[in-house]
Amino acid sequence: MTGRLITMPLRPGSEPWLSKRQIAAHFGFSTRWVELRVREGMPSQMIGGHRRFRISECETWVFERGAA
């Protein structure tokens, strides 16, 4: 089964929460890479029992550490 991301308009100033798979695809790494970065402190939030990520927070965190 493959999913398709449908971009919906957002309210000004809002940023979507992404899944582990989506944030991994954004950086071009595996979901395991994301799991390891979360252990190191990459910003994320548990929402409805699922870990979610914001691109802006994760990019800042990753590039400050040179992890990508």
Protein backbone atom coordinates (compact mmCIF):
# COMPACT_ATOMS: atom_id res chain seq x y z
CA MET A 1 0.00 0.00 0.00
CA THR A 2 1.39 3.41 -0.90
CA GLY A 3 0.16 6.71 0.38
CA ARG A 4 -0.20 9.99 -1.36
CA LEU A 5 0.32 13.30 0.39
CA ILE A 6 -2.33 15.81 -0.54
CA THR A 7 -1.31 19.38 0.18
CA MET A 8 -4.09 21.38 1.76
CA PRO A 9 -3.98 25.13 2.30
CA LEU A 10 -2.89 26.04 5.82
CA ARG A 11 -3.78 28.96 7.97
CA PRO A 12 -1.12 31.66 7.78
CA GLY A 13 1.60 30.95 10.32
CA SER A 14 0.69 27.27 10.78
CA GLU A 15 2.94 24.34 9.99
CA PRO A 16 1.79 20.73 9.58
CA TRP A 17 2.89 17.89 11.83
CA LEU A 18 4.61 15.14 9.82
CA SER A 19 4.89 11.42 10.50
CA LYS A 20 8.19 9.63 10.99
CA ARG A 21 8.01 8.37 7.42
CA GLN A 22 7.36 11.84 6.03
CA ILE A 23 10.20 13.50 7.95
CA ALA A 24 12.55 10.67 6.90
CA ALA A 25 11.60 11.25 3.25
CA HIS A 26 12.14 14.99 3.67
CA PHE A 27 15.73 14.41 4.81
CA GLY A 28 16.32 11.49 2.44
CA PHE A 29 17.07 8.98 5.18
CA SER A 30 15.37 5.91 6.64
CA THR A 31 12.86 5.87 9.46
CA ARG A 32 15.57 4.18 11.54
CA TRP A 33 17.73 7.28 11.07
CA VAL A 34 14.83 9.36 12.43
CA GLU A 35 14.43 7.03 15.42
CA LEU A 36 18.13 7.43 16.24
CA ARG A 37 17.91 11.23 15.96
CA VAL A 38 14.87 11.25 18.28
CA ARG A 39 16.96 9.39 20.87
CA GLU A 40 19.55 12.15 20.51
CA GLY A 41 16.90 14.81 21.14
CA MET A 42 15.47 15.75 17.76
CA PRO A 43 12.30 17.77 18.45
CA SER A 44 9.04 15.86 18.17
CA GLN A 45 5.67 15.59 19.85
CA MET A 46 3.44 12.65 20.69
CA ILE A 47 -0.01 13.36 19.22
CA GLY A 48 -2.72 10.74 19.52
CA GLY A 49 -0.18 8.05 20.35
CA HIS A 50 1.97 8.82 17.28
CA ARG A 51 5.21 10.76 17.13
CA ARG A 52 4.97 13.85 14.93
CA PHE A 53 7.55 16.31 13.64
CA ARG A 54 7.68 19.88 12.33
CA ILE A 55 10.11 20.42 9.47
CA SER A 56 11.35 23.81 10.66
CA GLU A 57 12.22 22.52 14.15
CA CYS A 58 13.88 19.37 12.85
CA GLU A 59 15.89 21.16 10.15
CA THR A 60 17.25 23.62 12.69
CA TRP A 61 18.16 20.80 15.08
CA VAL A 62 19.77 18.62 12.39
CA PHE A 63 21.80 21.34 10.71
CA GLU A 64 23.05 22.75 14.04
CA ARG A 65 24.53 19.33 14.77
CA GLY A 66 25.73 18.49 11.28
CA ALA A 67 23.79 15.19 11.45
CA ALA A 68 22.58 15.21 7.86
